[in-house]
C-alpha atoms as a PDB file:
ATOM      1  CA  UNK A   1      42.375-132.883-139.644  1.00  0.00           C
ATOM      2  CA  UNK A   2      41.640-130.776-136.546  1.00  0.00           C
ATOM      3  CA  UNK A   3      37.911-131.086-137.259  1.00  0.00           C
ATOM      4  CA  UNK A   4      38.129-134.885-137.415  1.00  0.00           C
ATOM      5  CA  UNK A   5      40.230-134.984-134.238  1.00  0.00           C
ATOM      6  CA  UNK A   6      37.691-132.871-132.335  1.00  0.00           C
ATOM      7  CA  UNK A   7      34.862-135.002-133.690  1.00  0.00           C
ATOM      8  CA  UNK A   8      36.517-138.267-132.654  1.00  0.00           C
ATOM      9  CA  UNK A   9      37.358-136.911-129.187  1.00  0.00           C
ATOM     10  CA  UNK A  10      33.807-135.699-128.539  1.00  0.00           C
ATOM     11  CA  UNK A  11      32.286-138.908-129.911  1.00  0.00           C
ATOM     12  CA  UNK A  12      34.569-141.011-127.700  1.00  0.00           C
ATOM     13  CA  UNK A  13      33.423-139.110-124.613  1.00  0.00           C
ATOM     14  CA  UNK A  14      29.822-139.238-125.790  1.00  0.00           C
ATOM     15  CA  UNK A  15      30.051-142.993-126.242  1.00  0.00           C
ATOM     16  CA  UNK A  16      31.344-143.501-122.729  1.00  0.00           C
ATOM     17  CA  UNK A  17      28.193-141.823-121.388  1.00  0.00           C
ATOM     18  CA  UNK A  18      26.024-143.679-123.910  1.00  0.00           C
ATOM     19  CA  UNK A  19      27.463-147.066-123.002  1.00  0.00           C
ATOM     20  CA  UNK A  20      26.972-146.482-119.290  1.00  0.00           C
ATOM     21  CA  UNK A  21      23.448-145.140-119.901  1.00  0.00           C
ATOM     22  CA  UNK A  22      22.502-148.189-121.966  1.00  0.00           C
ATOM     23  CA  UNK A  23      24.168-150.985-120.030  1.00  0.00           C
ATOM     24  CA  UNK A  24      25.515-150.071-116.560  1.00  0.00           C
ATOM     25  CA  UNK A  25      22.043-150.309-115.009  1.00  0.00           C
ATOM     26  CA  UNK A  26      22.088-154.036-115.794  1.00  0.00           C
ATOM     27  CA  UNK A  27      24.848-154.408-113.224  1.00  0.00           C
ATOM     28  CA  UNK A  28      24.305-151.531-110.813  1.00  0.00           C
ATOM     29  CA  UNK A  29      20.533-151.169-110.684  1.00  0.00           C
ATOM     30  CA  UNK A  30      19.326-154.700-111.416  1.00  0.00           C
ATOM     31  CA  UNK A  31      17.470-154.903-108.070  1.00  0.00           C
ATOM     32  CA  UNK A  32      15.825-151.478-108.449  1.00  0.00           C
ATOM     33  CA  UNK A  33      12.529-150.838-110.252  1.00  0.00           C
ATOM     34  CA  UNK A  34      12.961-150.267-113.969  1.00  0.00           C
ATOM     35  CA  UNK A  35      11.800-146.665-113.667  1.00  0.00           C
ATOM     36  CA  UNK A  36      14.848-145.903-111.503  1.00  0.00           C
ATOM     37  CA  UNK A  37      17.082-147.359-114.207  1.00  0.00           C
ATOM     38  CA  UNK A  38      15.298-145.237-116.808  1.00  0.00           C
ATOM     39  CA  UNK A  39      15.766-142.035-114.838  1.00  0.00           C
ATOM     40  CA  UNK A  40      19.440-142.741-114.152  1.00  0.00           C
ATOM     41  CA  UNK A  41      20.006-143.714-117.789  1.00  0.00           C
ATOM     42  CA  UNK A  42      18.275-140.562-119.021  1.00  0.00           C
ATOM     43  CA  UNK A  43      20.442-138.433-116.767  1.00  0.00           C
ATOM     44  CA  UNK A  44      23.557-140.041-118.273  1.00  0.00           C
ATOM     45  CA  UNK A  45      22.141-139.721-121.776  1.00  0.00           C
ATOM     46  CA  UNK A  46      21.789-135.979-121.246  1.00  0.00           C
ATOM     47  CA  UNK A  47      25.586-135.711-121.026  1.00  0.00           C
ATOM     48  CA  UNK A  48      25.924-138.026-124.012  1.00  0.00           C
ATOM     49  CA  UNK A  49      23.872-135.620-126.102  1.00  0.00           C
ATOM     50  CA  UNK A  50      25.775-132.584-124.819  1.00  0.00           C
ATOM     51  CA  UNK A  51      28.841-134.131-126.482  1.00  0.00           C
ATOM     52  CA  UNK A  52      27.309-136.010-129.402  1.00  0.00           C
ATOM     53  CA  UNK A  53      25.356-133.125-130.953  1.00  0.00           C
ATOM     54  CA  UNK A  54      28.363-130.760-131.156  1.00  0.00           C
ATOM     55  CA  UNK A  55      30.539-133.659-132.350  1.00  0.00           C
ATOM     56  CA  UNK A  56      28.220-134.346-135.266  1.00  0.00           C
ATOM     57  CA  UNK A  57      27.855-130.651-136.108  1.00  0.00           C
ATOM     58  CA  UNK A  58      31.630-130.202-136.110  1.00  0.00           C
ATOM     59  CA  UNK A  59      32.214-133.437-138.011  1.00  0.00           C
ATOM     60  CA  UNK A  60      29.617-132.650-140.657  1.00  0.00           C
ATOM     61  CA  UNK A  61      31.722-129.688-141.800  1.00  0.00           C
ATOM     62  CA  UNK A  62      34.383-132.110-143.099  1.00  0.00           C
ATOM     63  CA  UNK A  63      32.689-135.525-143.314  1.00  0.00           C
ATOM     64  CA  UNK A  64      29.627-136.887-145.050  1.00  0.00           C
ATOM     65  CA  UNK A  65      26.683-138.185-143.079  1.00  0.00           C
ATOM     66  CA  UNK A  66      27.657-141.764-143.930  1.00  0.00           C
ATOM     67  CA  UNK A  67      31.231-141.197-142.790  1.00  0.00           C
ATOM     68  CA  UNK A  68      29.990-139.754-139.493  1.00  0.00           C
ATOM     69  CA  UNK A  69      27.749-142.780-138.950  1.00  0.00           C
ATOM     70  CA  UNK A  70      30.471-145.338-139.651  1.00  0.00           C
ATOM     71  CA  UNK A  71      32.901-143.391-137.464  1.00  0.00           C
ATOM     72  CA  UNK A  72      30.290-143.505-134.689  1.00  0.00           C
ATOM     73  CA  UNK A  73      29.934-147.285-135.031  1.00  0.00           C
ATOM     74  CA  UNK A  74      33.695-147.857-134.886  1.00  0.00           C
ATOM     75  CA  UNK A  75      33.930-145.649-131.797  1.00  0.00           C
ATOM     76  CA  UNK A  76      30.978-147.449-130.223  1.00  0.00           C
ATOM     77  CA  UNK A  77      32.714-150.814-130.581  1.00  0.00           C
ATOM     78  CA  UNK A  78      35.988-149.296-129.355  1.00  0.00           C
ATOM     79  CA  UNK A  79      34.257-148.129-126.176  1.00  0.00           C
ATOM     80  CA  UNK A  80      31.921-151.106-125.756  1.00  0.00           C
ATOM     81  CA  UNK A  81      34.505-153.899-125.813  1.00  0.00           C
ATOM     82  CA  UNK A  82      36.595-152.588-122.881  1.00  0.00           C
ATOM     83  CA  UNK A  83      33.379-151.695-121.017  1.00  0.00           C
ATOM     84  CA  UNK A  84      32.087-155.212-121.542  1.00  0.00           C
ATOM     85  CA  UNK A  85      35.354-156.837-120.471  1.00  0.00           C
ATOM     86  CA  UNK A  86      36.420-154.689-117.534  1.00  0.00           C
ATOM     87  CA  UNK A  87      33.234-153.153-116.147  1.00  0.00           C
ATOM     88  CA  UNK A  88      30.665-155.833-116.873  1.00  0.00           C
ATOM     89  CA  UNK A  89      33.188-158.687-116.471  1.00  0.00           C
ATOM     90  CA  UNK A  90      32.041-160.390-119.666  1.00  0.00           C
ATOM     91  CA  UNK A  91      34.376-162.859-121.374  1.00  0.00           C
ATOM     92  CA  UNK A  92      36.325-161.822-124.461  1.00  0.00           C
ATOM     93  CA  UNK A  93      34.561-163.157-127.526  1.00  0.00           C
ATOM     94  CA  UNK A  94      35.871-163.813-130.982  1.00  0.00           C
ATOM     95  CA  UNK A  95      32.668-162.143-132.183  1.00  0.00           C
ATOM     96  CA  UNK A  96      34.204-158.767-131.287  1.00  0.00           C
ATOM     97  CA  UNK A  97      37.002-159.449-133.768  1.00  0.00           C
ATOM     98  CA  UNK A  98      34.529-160.377-136.510  1.00  0.00           C
ATOM     99  CA  UNK A  99      32.510-157.241-135.782  1.00  0.00           C
ATOM    100  CA  UNK A 100      35.681-155.145-135.989  1.00  0.00           C
ATOM    101  CA  UNK A 101      36.579-156.735-139.327  1.00  0.00           C
ATOM    102  CA  UNK A 102      33.111-155.938-140.671  1.00  0.00           C
ATOM    103  CA  UNK A 103      33.435-152.350-139.476  1.00  0.00           C
ATOM    104  CA  UNK A 104      36.874-152.096-141.093  1.00  0.00           C
ATOM    105  CA  UNK A 105      35.181-153.041-144.357  1.00  0.00           C
ATOM    106  CA  UNK A 106      32.522-150.391-143.772  1.00  0.00           C
ATOM    107  CA  UNK A 107      35.239-147.811-143.084  1.00  0.00           C
ATOM    108  CA  UNK A 108      36.979-148.768-146.324  1.00  0.00           C
ATOM    109  CA  UNK A 109      33.867-148.360-148.444  1.00  0.00           C
ATOM    110  CA  UNK A 110      32.633-145.142-146.826  1.00  0.00           C
ATOM    111  CA  UNK A 111      35.996-143.354-146.729  1.00  0.00           C
ATOM    112  CA  UNK A 112      37.447-144.433-150.098  1.00  0.00           C
ATOM    113  CA  UNK A 113      37.715-141.706-152.702  1.00  0.00           C
END
């Protein structure tokens, strides 16, 4: 269980960097040339990978590749929805609920014994 806890923690942090690298430039750098956005995003992605690579290596000692991937997708949605609502000021959409239900199904099938 400690392995899964470490994996989840590192993937959560990794996803925060990933989400900002992928989407924050749309708000913060929208008047700058795209190359500036790329360079800023790459600098954030560096920290994402510093967390994501160890997370997957640790997680792979107790989880299958498929389980790691589905865990990553659940964490991505968990990070993305608050980011979208609070940082990007996007409206709450029912689509997030449907996506979460689909991911719950994926979790069921990948983690069942």
